[in-house]
Amino acid sequence: LVAKTNIFNWLTLRAKDYTDPWAPLEKINLCESELSTQIRQHSITILSGWNIRCWEYIEKYKSTVQQLFLPQPSIINEGNVLISNLRTHFDLVVGVFMRHGDYRTWMDGKYYFDIAQYNRWMEQVKSYYNQKNICFLISSEQQISSDDISLDNFYFSNGSANKGGSALQAQYELSCCDIIISVPSTFSAWAAFIGGKP
């Protein structure tokens, strides 16, 4: 459902029919010329929904979008100090986002993995980069016991629940890592996008 509201020269685009929560999501491609024309004809455009896309514009304006989503300078500075300190001792800094919390039940736990599985993934990365001195920067929205991590060179991000930081801190610090290990999550995807990391 695309709802067009012309009050106050607004255009409202919704990728979901909110009167029927079970209705399939409609995909809205902002790159389509007709829709782009409609958007330019309105002074305000409101976008709502998960299926709104325009990969062409994201690629074209990638650096602008990355800059828009950077956190406040104090978070950047604190994150840069942490990563810089790690880089003085290690060749490769791998960010690990252990998503627990809601993932235990979301989609029937499809993307919930215990710490033992994250340990196996970290061991695989360590084995793959066996010629490098590697460390892991772990972030999670829940407390993780150091005793549960099987590797030696790991640290908790300032933004992790272990350090009492904020989600923005965790996301920025992950964005500064060389590689990010994570289950499918918009949180880690944004960190990778902001930092231009795989």
Protein backbone atom coordinates (compact mmCIF):
# COMPACT_ATOMS: atom_id res chain seq x y z
CA LEU A 1 0.00 0.00 0.00
CA VAL A 2 1.40 3.36 -0.97
CA ALA A 3 -0.54 6.06 0.86
CA LYS A 4 -0.24 9.51 -0.67
CA THR A 5 -1.13 12.36 1.63
CA ASN A 6 -1.04 15.86 0.16
CA ILE A 7 -1.81 17.82 3.35
CA PHE A 8 0.93 20.41 3.93
CA ASN A 9 2.60 19.22 0.71
CA TRP A 10 3.66 15.91 2.31
CA LEU A 11 4.11 12.59 0.58
CA THR A 12 3.77 9.56 2.83
CA LEU A 13 5.07 6.22 1.58
CA ARG A 14 4.35 3.04 3.52
CA ALA A 15 5.66 -0.38 2.65
CA LYS A 16 2.98 -2.06 4.76
CA ASP A 17 -0.76 -1.93 5.12
CA TYR A 18 -1.06 -1.13 8.82
CA THR A 19 -4.75 -2.01 8.86
CA ASP A 20 -3.79 -5.62 8.06
CA PRO A 21 -0.62 -6.68 9.95
CA TRP A 22 -0.47 -9.99 8.06
CA ALA A 23 -0.56 -8.44 4.59
CA PRO A 24 2.61 -9.07 2.56
CA LEU A 25 5.07 -6.21 2.44
CA GLU A 26 5.07 -4.19 -0.74
CA LYS A 27 8.49 -3.20 -2.05
CA ILE A 28 8.99 0.47 -2.74
CA ASN A 29 11.89 1.33 -5.02
CA LEU A 30 12.75 5.01 -4.60
CA CYS A 31 14.92 4.85 -7.73
CA GLU A 32 11.88 4.45 -10.00
CA SER A 33 11.55 7.61 -12.07
CA GLU A 34 7.81 8.11 -11.43
CA LEU A 35 8.25 7.82 -7.67
CA SER A 36 11.34 10.06 -7.73
CA THR A 37 9.29 12.70 -9.54
CA GLN A 38 6.52 12.46 -6.93
CA ILE A 39 9.04 12.84 -4.11
CA ARG A 40 10.62 15.93 -5.71
CA GLN A 41 7.17 17.54 -6.00
CA HIS A 42 6.70 17.52 -2.21
CA SER A 43 8.61 19.51 0.37
CA ILE A 44 8.39 16.71 2.96
CA THR A 45 8.45 12.96 2.32
CA ILE A 46 7.76 10.47 5.11
CA LEU A 47 8.99 6.91 4.60
CA SER A 48 7.76 4.02 6.69
CA GLY A 49 8.45 0.29 6.49
CA TRP A 50 11.22 -2.26 5.96
CA ASN A 51 10.90 -2.74 2.21
CA ILE A 52 11.85 0.74 1.05
CA ARG A 53 14.91 0.54 -1.18
CA CYS A 54 17.11 2.46 -3.57
CA TRP A 55 20.45 0.72 -3.84
CA GLU A 56 21.52 2.99 -6.71
CA TYR A 57 21.28 6.07 -4.48
CA ILE A 58 22.93 4.31 -1.55
CA GLU A 59 25.94 3.51 -3.74
CA LYS A 60 25.99 6.99 -5.27
CA TYR A 61 25.75 8.81 -1.92
CA LYS A 62 27.49 6.23 0.26
CA SER A 63 30.02 8.59 1.84
CA THR A 64 27.29 11.15 2.64
CA VAL A 65 25.10 8.50 4.26
CA GLN A 66 28.08 7.18 6.24
CA GLN A 67 28.81 10.67 7.57
CA LEU A 68 25.15 11.24 8.49
CA PHE A 69 25.09 8.15 10.68
CA LEU A 70 28.29 8.82 12.61
CA PRO A 71 27.69 9.26 16.35
CA GLN A 72 28.62 12.31 18.40
CA PRO A 73 32.34 13.23 18.62
CA SER A 74 32.80 11.92 22.19
CA ILE A 75 31.73 8.42 21.10
CA ILE A 76 33.98 8.61 18.03
CA ASN A 77 36.96 9.74 20.12
CA GLU A 78 36.49 7.05 22.76
CA GLY A 79 36.09 4.38 20.09
CA ASN A 80 39.13 5.57 18.17
CA VAL A 81 41.26 5.42 21.34
CA LEU A 82 40.12 1.84 22.01
CA ILE A 83 40.79 0.66 18.44
CA SER A 84 44.09 2.55 18.23
CA ASN A 85 45.29 0.85 21.44
CA LEU A 86 44.37 -2.56 20.04
CA ARG A 87 46.14 -1.82 16.75
CA THR A 88 49.41 -1.12 18.59
CA HIS A 89 49.43 -4.77 19.70
CA PHE A 90 47.55 -6.61 16.94
CA ASP A 91 47.63 -6.82 13.14
CA LEU A 92 43.94 -7.57 12.78
CA VAL A 93 40.99 -6.46 14.92
CA VAL A 94 37.86 -8.56 14.43
CA GLY A 95 34.57 -7.24 15.77
CA VAL A 96 32.13 -9.83 17.10
CA PHE A 97 28.49 -8.91 17.72
CA MET A 98 26.88 -11.58 19.91
CA ARG A 99 23.20 -10.92 19.41
CA HIS A 100 21.20 -12.56 22.17
CA GLY A 101 18.25 -10.90 23.93
CA ASP A 102 15.32 -10.86 21.51
CA TYR A 103 17.03 -13.30 19.15
CA ARG A 104 16.19 -16.16 21.53
CA THR A 105 12.59 -15.94 20.37
CA TRP A 106 12.61 -13.81 17.18
CA MET A 107 11.83 -16.05 14.18
CA ASP A 108 11.67 -18.97 16.63
CA GLY A 109 15.34 -18.51 17.54
CA LYS A 110 16.59 -19.11 13.99
CA TYR A 111 19.51 -16.70 14.45
CA TYR A 112 20.14 -17.24 18.12
CA PHE A 113 23.46 -18.98 18.78
CA ASP A 114 25.10 -19.76 22.08
CA ILE A 115 28.56 -18.51 23.00
CA ALA A 116 30.09 -21.88 22.11
CA GLN A 117 29.08 -21.29 18.47
CA TYR A 118 30.57 -17.78 18.48
CA ASN A 119 33.77 -19.33 19.89
CA ARG A 120 33.84 -21.76 16.95
CA TRP A 121 33.41 -18.89 14.48
CA MET A 122 36.20 -16.91 16.15
CA GLU A 123 38.46 -19.98 16.06
CA GLN A 124 37.74 -20.36 12.33
CA VAL A 125 38.70 -16.73 11.69
CA LYS A 126 41.83 -17.11 13.81
CA SER A 127 42.79 -20.24 11.85
CA TYR A 128 42.14 -18.53 8.51
CA TYR A 129 44.36 -15.58 9.46
CA ASN A 130 46.97 -17.74 11.19
CA GLN A 131 49.84 -15.56 9.94
CA LYS A 132 48.45 -12.50 11.72
CA ASN A 133 48.43 -11.43 15.33
CA ILE A 134 44.66 -11.20 15.80
CA CYS A 135 42.32 -10.00 18.53
CA PHE A 136 38.57 -10.02 18.91
CA LEU A 137 36.48 -7.06 20.08
CA ILE A 138 33.27 -8.51 21.49
CA SER A 139 30.02 -6.63 21.86
CA SER A 140 26.67 -7.85 23.07
CA GLU A 141 23.53 -6.33 24.50
CA GLN A 142 23.76 -8.89 27.32
CA GLN A 143 26.52 -9.65 29.83
CA ILE A 144 29.03 -12.23 28.60
CA SER A 145 31.27 -14.06 31.05
CA SER A 146 34.97 -13.88 30.19
CA ASP A 147 35.20 -17.53 31.30
CA ASP A 148 32.92 -18.51 28.41
CA ILE A 149 35.27 -17.14 25.74
CA SER A 150 37.74 -19.80 24.56
CA LEU A 151 40.34 -17.46 23.01
CA ASP A 152 43.04 -15.46 24.74
CA ASN A 153 43.11 -12.22 22.78
CA PHE A 154 39.64 -10.81 23.26
CA TYR A 155 38.31 -7.56 24.67
CA PHE A 156 34.85 -6.21 25.36
CA SER A 157 33.84 -3.09 23.48
CA ASN A 158 33.06 0.05 25.48
CA GLY A 159 29.52 -0.23 24.15
CA SER A 160 28.97 -3.80 25.33
CA ALA A 161 26.75 -4.66 28.27
CA ASN A 162 29.91 -5.79 30.08
CA LYS A 163 31.24 -2.23 30.04
CA GLY A 164 27.88 -0.52 30.55
CA GLY A 165 28.18 1.50 27.35
CA SER A 166 25.63 2.48 24.76
CA ALA A 167 24.51 0.79 21.57
CA LEU A 168 25.97 3.69 19.56
CA GLN A 169 29.37 3.09 21.16
CA ALA A 170 29.20 -0.60 20.29
CA GLN A 171 28.12 0.09 16.73
CA TYR A 172 30.83 2.66 16.10
CA GLU A 173 33.56 0.46 17.62
CA LEU A 174 32.43 -2.47 15.47
CA SER A 175 32.56 -0.18 12.42
CA CYS A 176 36.26 0.50 13.14
CA CYS A 177 37.20 -3.21 13.14
CA ASP A 178 38.76 -4.87 10.09
CA ILE A 179 36.10 -7.59 9.93
CA ILE A 180 32.74 -8.04 11.68
CA ILE A 181 31.36 -11.43 12.70
CA SER A 182 27.62 -11.39 13.30
CA VAL A 183 24.37 -13.14 12.64
CA PRO A 184 22.00 -11.29 10.26
CA SER A 185 21.23 -8.04 12.06
CA THR A 186 20.61 -4.47 10.94
CA PHE A 187 22.75 -3.35 13.90
CA SER A 188 25.90 -5.05 12.66
CA ALA A 189 25.00 -4.38 9.01
CA TRP A 190 24.97 -0.64 9.78
CA ALA A 191 28.29 -0.94 11.57
CA ALA A 192 29.77 -2.64 8.50
CA PHE A 193 28.23 -0.06 6.18
CA ILE A 194 29.39 2.93 8.23
CA GLY A 195 32.93 1.54 8.42
CA GLY A 196 33.00 0.14 4.89
CA LYS A 197 33.91 -3.28 6.31
CA PRO A 198 32.98 -6.83 5.31
